[in-house]
C-alpha atoms as a PDB file:
ATOM      1  CA  MET A   1       0.000   0.000   0.000  1.00  0.00           C
ATOM      2  CA  GLU A   2       1.339   3.392  -0.910  1.00  0.00           C
ATOM      3  CA  ASP A   3       1.637   6.182   1.647  1.00  0.00           C
ATOM      4  CA  ASN A   4      -1.039   8.374   0.037  1.00  0.00           C
ATOM      5  CA  GLN A   5      -3.745   5.702   0.276  1.00  0.00           C
ATOM      6  CA  THR A   6      -5.887   5.489   3.389  1.00  0.00           C
ATOM      7  CA  PRO A   7      -7.195   2.150   4.606  1.00  0.00           C
ATOM      8  CA  ILE A   8     -10.840   1.527   3.810  1.00  0.00           C
ATOM      9  CA  MET A   9     -13.048   1.046   6.852  1.00  0.00           C
ATOM     10  CA  THR A  10     -15.481  -1.823   6.569  1.00  0.00           C
ATOM     11  CA  PHE A  11     -18.088  -0.284   8.853  1.00  0.00           C
ATOM     12  CA  SER A  12     -18.999   3.330   9.418  1.00  0.00           C
ATOM     13  CA  LYS A  13     -19.798   4.994  12.708  1.00  0.00           C
ATOM     14  CA  ARG A  14     -23.502   4.499  12.008  1.00  0.00           C
ATOM     15  CA  ASN A  15     -22.985   0.720  11.640  1.00  0.00           C
ATOM     16  CA  TYR A  16     -21.365   0.588  15.057  1.00  0.00           C
ATOM     17  CA  MET A  17     -24.217   2.591  16.581  1.00  0.00           C
ATOM     18  CA  ILE A  18     -26.726   0.101  15.134  1.00  0.00           C
ATOM     19  CA  VAL A  19     -24.656  -2.763  16.584  1.00  0.00           C
ATOM     20  CA  VAL A  20     -24.789  -1.147  20.040  1.00  0.00           C
ATOM     21  CA  ILE A  21     -28.568  -0.715  19.730  1.00  0.00           C
ATOM     22  CA  GLY A  22     -28.911  -4.375  18.749  1.00  0.00           C
ATOM     23  CA  LEU A  23     -26.840  -5.464  21.732  1.00  0.00           C
ATOM     24  CA  ALA A  24     -29.000  -3.344  24.047  1.00  0.00           C
ATOM     25  CA  VAL A  25     -32.179  -4.935  22.657  1.00  0.00           C
ATOM     26  CA  MET A  26     -30.737  -8.431  23.121  1.00  0.00           C
ATOM     27  CA  LEU A  27     -29.703  -7.564  26.686  1.00  0.00           C
ATOM     28  CA  LEU A  28     -33.233  -6.346  27.368  1.00  0.00           C
ATOM     29  CA  GLY A  29     -34.537  -9.693  26.113  1.00  0.00           C
ATOM     30  CA  CYS A  30     -32.221 -11.529  28.498  1.00  0.00           C
ATOM     31  CA  PHE A  31     -33.452  -9.436  31.417  1.00  0.00           C
ATOM     32  CA  LEU A  32     -37.046 -10.153  30.425  1.00  0.00           C
ATOM     33  CA  MET A  33     -36.260 -13.858  30.302  1.00  0.00           C
ATOM     34  CA  ALA A  34     -34.736 -13.797  33.782  1.00  0.00           C
ATOM     35  CA  GLY A  35     -37.439 -11.639  35.373  1.00  0.00           C
ATOM     36  CA  GLY A  36     -40.918 -12.454  36.479  1.00  0.00           C
ATOM     37  CA  GLY A  37     -41.069 -12.452  40.238  1.00  0.00           C
ATOM     38  CA  ASP A  38     -39.044 -13.043  43.347  1.00  0.00           C
ATOM     39  CA  ALA A  39     -36.747 -16.044  43.415  1.00  0.00           C
ATOM     40  CA  PRO A  40     -37.929 -18.540  46.021  1.00  0.00           C
ATOM     41  CA  ASP A  41     -35.575 -20.299  48.382  1.00  0.00           C
ATOM     42  CA  LEU A  42     -34.136 -23.628  47.308  1.00  0.00           C
ATOM     43  CA  THR A  43     -36.763 -25.722  49.093  1.00  0.00           C
ATOM     44  CA  LYS A  44     -39.664 -24.322  47.070  1.00  0.00           C
ATOM     45  CA  THR A  45     -40.485 -24.388  43.380  1.00  0.00           C
ATOM     46  CA  TYR A  46     -41.391 -21.529  41.103  1.00  0.00           C
ATOM     47  CA  PRO A  47     -45.083 -20.897  40.592  1.00  0.00           C
ATOM     48  CA  GLU A  48     -46.061 -22.175  37.143  1.00  0.00           C
ATOM     49  CA  ASP A  49     -47.714 -18.916  36.105  1.00  0.00           C
ATOM     50  CA  THR A  50     -44.407 -17.111  36.708  1.00  0.00           C
ATOM     51  CA  LEU A  51     -42.189 -19.758  35.155  1.00  0.00           C
ATOM     52  CA  TYR A  52     -44.329 -20.364  32.059  1.00  0.00           C
ATOM     53  CA  GLY A  53     -45.772 -16.875  31.716  1.00  0.00           C
ATOM     54  CA  PHE A  54     -46.028 -14.823  28.556  1.00  0.00           C
ATOM     55  CA  GLN A  55     -43.005 -12.675  29.440  1.00  0.00           C
ATOM     56  CA  ARG A  56     -40.536 -15.560  29.673  1.00  0.00           C
ATOM     57  CA  THR A  57     -41.852 -17.897  26.995  1.00  0.00           C
ATOM     58  CA  ALA A  58     -42.951 -15.545  24.217  1.00  0.00           C
ATOM     59  CA  LEU A  59     -41.955 -11.913  24.725  1.00  0.00           C
ATOM     60  CA  ALA A  60     -38.317 -12.353  25.794  1.00  0.00           C
ATOM     61  CA  PRO A  61     -37.286 -14.728  22.964  1.00  0.00           C
ATOM     62  CA  LEU A  62     -39.038 -12.447  20.467  1.00  0.00           C
ATOM     63  CA  VAL A  63     -37.086  -9.435  21.783  1.00  0.00           C
ATOM     64  CA  VAL A  64     -33.801 -11.390  21.514  1.00  0.00           C
ATOM     65  CA  LEU A  65     -34.630 -12.376  17.914  1.00  0.00           C
ATOM     66  CA  ILE A  66     -35.417  -8.739  17.084  1.00  0.00           C
ATOM     67  CA  GLY A  67     -32.003  -7.812  18.514  1.00  0.00           C
ATOM     68  CA  LEU A  68     -30.349 -10.416  16.302  1.00  0.00           C
ATOM     69  CA  GLY A  69     -32.225  -9.011  13.314  1.00  0.00           C
ATOM     70  CA  ILE A  70     -30.879  -5.564  14.167  1.00  0.00           C
ATOM     71  CA  GLN A  71     -27.350  -7.035  14.242  1.00  0.00           C
ATOM     72  CA  ILE A  72     -27.808  -8.535  10.776  1.00  0.00           C
ATOM     73  CA  PHE A  73     -29.133  -5.205   9.533  1.00  0.00           C
ATOM     74  CA  ALA A  74     -26.079  -3.444  11.019  1.00  0.00           C
ATOM     75  CA  ILE A  75     -23.745  -5.760   9.122  1.00  0.00           C
ATOM     76  CA  PHE A  76     -25.435  -5.235   5.755  1.00  0.00           C
ATOM     77  CA  TYR A  77     -26.234  -1.515   6.180  1.00  0.00           C
ATOM     78  CA  LYS A  78     -24.355   0.614   3.683  1.00  0.00           C
ATOM     79  CA  ASP A  79     -23.924   4.261   4.662  1.00  0.00           C
ATOM     80  CA  ASP A  80     -24.191   6.288   1.457  1.00  0.00           C
ATOM     81  CA  SER A  81     -23.254   9.568   3.168  1.00  0.00           C
ATOM     82  CA  ALA A  82     -19.832   8.164   4.147  1.00  0.00           C
ATOM     83  CA  GLU A  83     -19.037   7.258   0.537  1.00  0.00           C
ATOM     84  CA  SER A  84     -20.120  10.616  -0.832  1.00  0.00           C
ATOM     85  CA  ALA A  85     -17.810  12.422   1.611  1.00  0.00           C
ATOM     86  CA  GLU A  86     -14.727  10.741   0.126  1.00  0.00           C
END
């Protein structure tokens, strides 16, 4: 590579911001999966409505999948404003 050439960045700043948003959404999904009431002591079992509730079985996995979709979008997103500035 010659000295006058600059290395080409694969991702722009906007791609990295979308990645951070996707990670935050996936983290939210993990918190939703873990939540749902107080943890009982080891001699008791979880109530079934808490363990198999809508939040843990449907909402949280959906939020994690949305976060993964955002990650895929961040990888394939092409920032046209960064190319026009060069």
